[in-house]
Amino acid sequence: MTRGVVSLGVAGSLGPDAIAAIAPAVETAGFHTLWVNDTPDGDALAALAAAARVTDRLRLATGVVPVDRRPASEIAAEVSSLGLPLDRLTIGIGSGMARQGALARVREAVEQLHDAGIERVLVGALGPKMRRTAMELAEGVLLNWVPPVEAAQQASELHSLAPATHVAVYVRTAIAAAARERLDEETARYASFPNYAANFERMGVDAIDTTIRDASELDDALDAYTGAADEVVLRAIVPNDTVEAYLEFVRRTAPTPG
């Protein structure tokens, strides 16, 4: 059975300089892709441009960019102005906070990004309608806050309809004991969002069941997730947002060759 590749995810709020300091180590360690979340205080595209300048083969991706906050036209213009390498680039998008018109908003955004020459677009999706939209129009789906069993089920459903659909799954991961409090805080924050709370209830799991909380859990969890999805993104949760903390995370989670 083909196993999914392992990638690394970091926060855009780290800033381009810090991410440029981390990216070469991510490439050397053998991670497939560097994913950077886009937030109001962290421009993922600017960070990826910095990473592109110091790497040669590392693939580059944005975590879900909410298109109600950053329209596709703005994303495409920045990709062009920054000179991001399209052959290494994946743009992840989502509908954002506005619930009304979410499917139409994502459809339009995917089309605009494709028209701008961005060939690889993944859509963040919780529900079946959005996953199907992603399967039909984009190159894949980005799952978030799901346990391995649910990831496997959703990936199987998508692959049965469209075998080429790429299914990636974001997994919040803490390796150092000192990072566990931050992981618990982030988990509680997402569990308080109505759409995520409803999804956890539907799956019959607690939010914490969708995370990796300790180094001792890493091997078994990776085995389960890489057997479920095409790509597993270890979203690094570290004790503090220093370059050194992320480099230690990279060292301790580096994929095993082969």
Protein backbone atom coordinates (compact mmCIF):
# COMPACT_ATOMS: atom_id res chain seq x y z
CA MET A 1 0.00 0.00 0.00
CA THR A 2 1.26 3.47 -0.85
CA ARG A 3 1.89 5.56 2.25
CA GLY A 4 1.25 9.28 2.45
CA VAL A 5 4.14 11.73 2.49
CA VAL A 6 5.00 13.72 5.61
CA SER A 7 5.12 17.52 5.58
CA LEU A 8 5.63 20.26 8.15
CA GLY A 9 3.33 23.14 9.04
CA VAL A 10 4.23 26.39 10.81
CA ALA A 11 2.46 29.65 11.60
CA GLY A 12 2.76 32.63 9.27
CA SER A 13 3.03 34.86 12.33
CA LEU A 14 6.65 33.68 12.69
CA GLY A 15 7.49 36.05 9.85
CA PRO A 16 9.58 35.63 6.70
CA ASP A 17 12.99 35.91 8.39
CA ALA A 18 12.31 33.13 10.90
CA ILE A 19 10.73 30.89 8.28
CA ALA A 20 13.70 31.43 5.97
CA ALA A 21 15.93 30.29 8.84
CA ILE A 22 13.84 27.14 9.33
CA ALA A 23 13.17 26.16 5.69
CA PRO A 24 16.62 24.75 4.77
CA ALA A 25 16.44 22.37 7.75
CA VAL A 26 12.94 21.28 6.67
CA GLU A 27 14.26 20.50 3.20
CA THR A 28 17.35 18.67 4.48
CA ALA A 29 15.26 16.63 6.92
CA GLY A 30 13.24 15.21 4.03
CA PHE A 31 9.84 16.74 4.62
CA HIS A 32 7.74 16.85 1.44
CA THR A 33 6.26 20.34 1.81
CA LEU A 34 6.52 23.36 4.07
CA TRP A 35 3.01 24.59 4.88
CA VAL A 36 2.56 28.09 6.31
CA ASN A 37 -0.73 29.23 7.85
CA ASP A 38 -2.04 32.59 6.66
CA THR A 39 -3.37 34.79 9.45
CA PRO A 40 -4.10 38.51 9.85
CA ASP A 41 -0.72 38.88 11.57
CA GLY A 42 1.17 36.50 9.28
CA ASP A 43 1.34 36.65 5.47
CA ALA A 44 1.89 33.07 4.30
CA LEU A 45 2.83 34.11 0.77
CA ALA A 46 5.57 36.48 1.92
CA ALA A 47 6.90 33.74 4.20
CA LEU A 48 6.89 31.18 1.39
CA ALA A 49 8.74 33.61 -0.88
CA ALA A 50 11.45 33.84 1.78
CA ALA A 51 11.55 30.05 2.05
CA ALA A 52 11.75 29.68 -1.73
CA ARG A 53 14.89 31.79 -1.87
CA VAL A 54 16.81 29.47 0.48
CA THR A 55 15.60 26.07 -0.80
CA ASP A 56 15.80 24.21 -4.08
CA ARG A 57 13.29 21.37 -4.08
CA LEU A 58 11.13 21.82 -0.99
CA ARG A 59 7.49 22.20 -1.96
CA LEU A 60 5.69 25.23 -0.56
CA ALA A 61 2.06 25.56 0.49
CA THR A 62 -0.28 27.93 2.25
CA GLY A 63 -2.51 26.65 4.99
CA VAL A 64 -6.11 27.58 4.37
CA VAL A 65 -6.34 31.19 3.20
CA PRO A 66 -9.90 32.41 3.89
CA VAL A 67 -11.11 33.91 0.64
CA ASP A 68 -13.63 36.13 2.39
CA ARG A 69 -10.62 37.91 3.93
CA ARG A 70 -8.13 37.56 1.05
CA PRO A 71 -9.89 37.27 -2.32
CA ALA A 72 -8.43 35.01 -4.97
CA SER A 73 -7.51 38.00 -7.12
CA GLU A 74 -5.38 39.38 -4.28
CA ILE A 75 -3.73 36.00 -3.69
CA ALA A 76 -2.90 35.60 -7.37
CA ALA A 77 -1.50 39.12 -7.63
CA GLU A 78 0.79 38.56 -4.64
CA VAL A 79 1.96 35.18 -5.95
CA SER A 80 2.95 36.95 -9.16
CA SER A 81 4.59 39.97 -7.53
CA LEU A 82 6.64 37.79 -5.19
CA GLY A 83 7.77 35.53 -8.00
CA LEU A 84 6.78 32.37 -6.14
CA PRO A 85 7.86 29.19 -7.99
CA LEU A 86 4.62 27.80 -9.40
CA ASP A 87 6.14 24.35 -9.93
CA ARG A 88 6.62 24.03 -6.16
CA LEU A 89 3.53 25.90 -5.00
CA THR A 90 0.20 24.78 -3.54
CA ILE A 91 -2.41 27.32 -2.51
CA GLY A 92 -4.76 26.16 0.20
CA ILE A 93 -8.00 28.10 0.48
CA GLY A 94 -11.18 28.02 2.53
CA SER A 95 -14.51 29.79 2.53
CA GLY A 96 -13.75 31.77 5.70
CA MET A 97 -16.09 32.78 8.48
CA ALA A 98 -19.03 33.88 6.35
CA ARG A 99 -21.31 30.84 6.05
CA GLN A 100 -23.70 32.19 3.43
CA GLY A 101 -22.53 31.53 -0.12
CA ALA A 102 -19.51 29.49 1.03
CA LEU A 103 -19.62 26.93 -1.79
CA ALA A 104 -20.04 29.55 -4.51
CA ARG A 105 -17.25 31.66 -3.01
CA VAL A 106 -14.84 28.72 -3.06
CA ARG A 107 -15.83 27.68 -6.59
CA GLU A 108 -15.15 31.17 -7.89
CA ALA A 109 -11.84 31.38 -6.03
CA VAL A 110 -10.58 28.07 -7.44
CA GLU A 111 -11.47 29.16 -10.95
CA GLN A 112 -9.73 32.53 -10.54
CA LEU A 113 -6.56 30.94 -9.17
CA HIS A 114 -6.46 28.44 -12.02
CA ASP A 115 -7.01 31.23 -14.53
CA ALA A 116 -4.03 33.04 -12.96
CA GLY A 117 -1.77 30.08 -13.68
CA ILE A 118 -1.77 28.53 -10.20
CA GLU A 119 -2.12 24.88 -11.05
CA ARG A 120 -2.36 23.32 -7.61
CA VAL A 121 -5.18 24.40 -5.29
CA LEU A 122 -6.41 22.51 -2.22
CA VAL A 123 -9.61 23.36 -0.39
CA GLY A 124 -10.07 23.16 3.36
CA ALA A 125 -13.30 21.29 3.96
CA LEU A 126 -15.24 20.05 6.98
CA GLY A 127 -18.48 18.94 5.35
CA PRO A 128 -19.28 16.61 2.45
CA LYS A 129 -20.55 19.37 0.12
CA MET A 130 -17.31 21.32 0.38
CA ARG A 131 -15.23 18.15 -0.01
CA ARG A 132 -17.13 17.30 -3.17
CA THR A 133 -16.65 20.83 -4.50
CA ALA A 134 -12.92 20.48 -3.88
CA MET A 135 -12.84 17.11 -5.59
CA GLU A 136 -14.67 18.44 -8.66
CA LEU A 137 -12.85 21.75 -9.15
CA ALA A 138 -9.55 21.75 -7.25
CA GLU A 139 -6.60 19.40 -7.04
CA GLY A 140 -7.41 18.18 -3.57
CA VAL A 141 -8.80 18.57 -0.08
CA LEU A 142 -7.16 19.71 3.14
CA LEU A 143 -8.67 18.00 6.18
CA ASN A 144 -8.24 19.48 9.63
CA TRP A 145 -8.88 18.25 13.16
CA VAL A 146 -9.83 14.68 12.18
CA PRO A 147 -8.64 11.38 13.69
CA PRO A 148 -6.98 8.77 11.44
CA VAL A 149 -10.12 6.63 11.08
CA GLU A 150 -12.17 9.59 9.85
CA ALA A 151 -9.35 10.74 7.56
CA ALA A 152 -9.20 7.27 6.02
CA GLN A 153 -12.95 7.17 5.48
CA GLN A 154 -13.11 10.61 3.87
CA ALA A 155 -10.06 9.91 1.70
CA SER A 156 -11.51 6.59 0.56
CA GLU A 157 -14.80 8.22 -0.40
CA LEU A 158 -13.01 10.94 -2.38
CA HIS A 159 -10.61 8.53 -4.10
CA SER A 160 -13.46 6.23 -5.11
CA LEU A 161 -15.00 9.13 -7.03
CA ALA A 162 -11.80 10.80 -8.24
CA PRO A 163 -8.63 8.73 -7.75
CA ALA A 164 -6.32 11.65 -8.55
CA THR A 165 -7.74 13.85 -5.77
CA HIS A 166 -5.00 14.67 -3.26
CA VAL A 167 -6.07 14.34 0.36
CA ALA A 168 -3.91 16.09 2.94
CA VAL A 169 -4.59 16.21 6.67
CA TYR A 170 -3.33 18.79 9.16
CA VAL A 171 -2.39 17.27 12.54
CA ARG A 172 -1.48 19.49 15.49
CA THR A 173 1.62 17.94 17.00
CA ALA A 174 3.52 18.59 20.21
CA ILE A 175 6.76 16.74 20.85
CA ALA A 176 8.15 18.59 23.87
CA ALA A 177 6.27 18.28 27.16
CA ALA A 178 6.62 22.05 27.55
CA ALA A 179 4.48 22.53 24.43
CA ARG A 180 1.52 20.57 25.71
CA GLU A 181 -0.13 23.52 27.39
CA ARG A 182 -0.09 25.47 24.12
CA LEU A 183 -1.55 22.48 22.31
CA ASP A 184 -4.32 22.17 24.90
CA GLU A 185 -5.10 25.89 24.55
CA GLU A 186 -5.34 25.66 20.76
CA THR A 187 -7.44 22.53 20.98
CA ALA A 188 -9.87 24.18 23.39
CA ARG A 189 -10.09 27.25 21.17
CA TYR A 190 -11.09 25.24 18.11
CA ALA A 191 -13.48 23.08 20.12
CA SER A 192 -15.30 26.30 21.08
CA PHE A 193 -16.04 27.19 17.43
CA PRO A 194 -19.60 26.02 16.58
CA ASN A 195 -18.70 24.49 13.21
CA TYR A 196 -15.79 22.51 14.66
CA ALA A 197 -17.75 21.55 17.79
CA ALA A 198 -20.50 20.16 15.58
CA ASN A 199 -17.95 18.24 13.51
CA PHE A 200 -16.32 16.71 16.60
CA GLU A 201 -19.77 15.68 17.83
CA ARG A 202 -20.64 14.15 14.46
CA MET A 203 -17.39 12.15 14.45
CA GLY A 204 -17.91 11.12 18.07
CA VAL A 205 -14.46 12.29 19.22
CA ASP A 206 -12.97 14.90 21.49
CA ALA A 207 -10.81 17.54 19.82
CA ILE A 208 -7.74 16.24 21.60
CA ASP A 209 -8.21 12.86 19.87
CA THR A 210 -7.23 14.51 16.58
CA THR A 211 -3.79 15.65 17.82
CA ILE A 212 -0.40 14.16 18.66
CA ARG A 213 0.40 15.19 22.23
CA ASP A 214 3.75 13.54 22.92
CA ALA A 215 6.86 12.17 21.23
CA SER A 216 5.87 8.69 22.38
CA GLU A 217 2.71 8.90 20.24
CA LEU A 218 4.44 10.08 17.07
CA ASP A 219 5.38 6.79 15.37
CA ASP A 220 2.01 5.10 15.85
CA ALA A 221 0.06 8.23 14.91
CA LEU A 222 2.15 8.80 11.78
CA ASP A 223 1.67 5.19 10.77
CA ALA A 224 -2.10 5.60 11.11
CA TYR A 225 -2.30 8.95 9.33
CA THR A 226 0.07 8.09 6.46
CA GLY A 227 -2.01 4.99 5.87
CA ALA A 228 -5.13 7.13 5.69
CA ALA A 229 -4.21 10.16 3.57
CA ASP A 230 -1.90 11.15 0.73
CA GLU A 231 -0.12 13.75 2.85
CA VAL A 232 0.19 14.32 6.58
CA VAL A 233 1.09 17.83 7.69
CA LEU A 234 2.59 17.89 11.16
CA ARG A 235 1.50 21.31 12.39
CA ALA A 236 4.29 22.08 14.82
CA ILE A 237 3.27 23.20 18.30
CA VAL A 238 6.43 24.20 20.16
CA PRO A 239 7.07 25.65 23.64
CA ASN A 240 7.91 29.09 22.23
CA ASP A 241 8.03 30.60 18.78
CA THR A 242 11.79 30.71 18.35
CA VAL A 243 13.77 29.41 15.41
CA GLU A 244 15.59 27.07 17.77
CA ALA A 245 12.35 25.50 19.02
CA TYR A 246 11.21 24.80 15.47
CA LEU A 247 14.59 23.41 14.45
CA GLU A 248 14.40 21.01 17.40
CA PHE A 249 10.90 19.96 16.28
CA VAL A 250 12.22 19.37 12.76
CA ARG A 251 15.10 17.28 14.07
CA ARG A 252 12.87 15.11 16.24
CA THR A 253 10.14 14.53 13.65
CA ALA A 254 12.25 14.15 10.48
CA PRO A 255 10.69 11.52 8.18
CA THR A 256 12.42 8.14 8.07
CA PRO A 257 13.91 7.58 4.58
CA GLY A 258 12.06 5.02 2.51
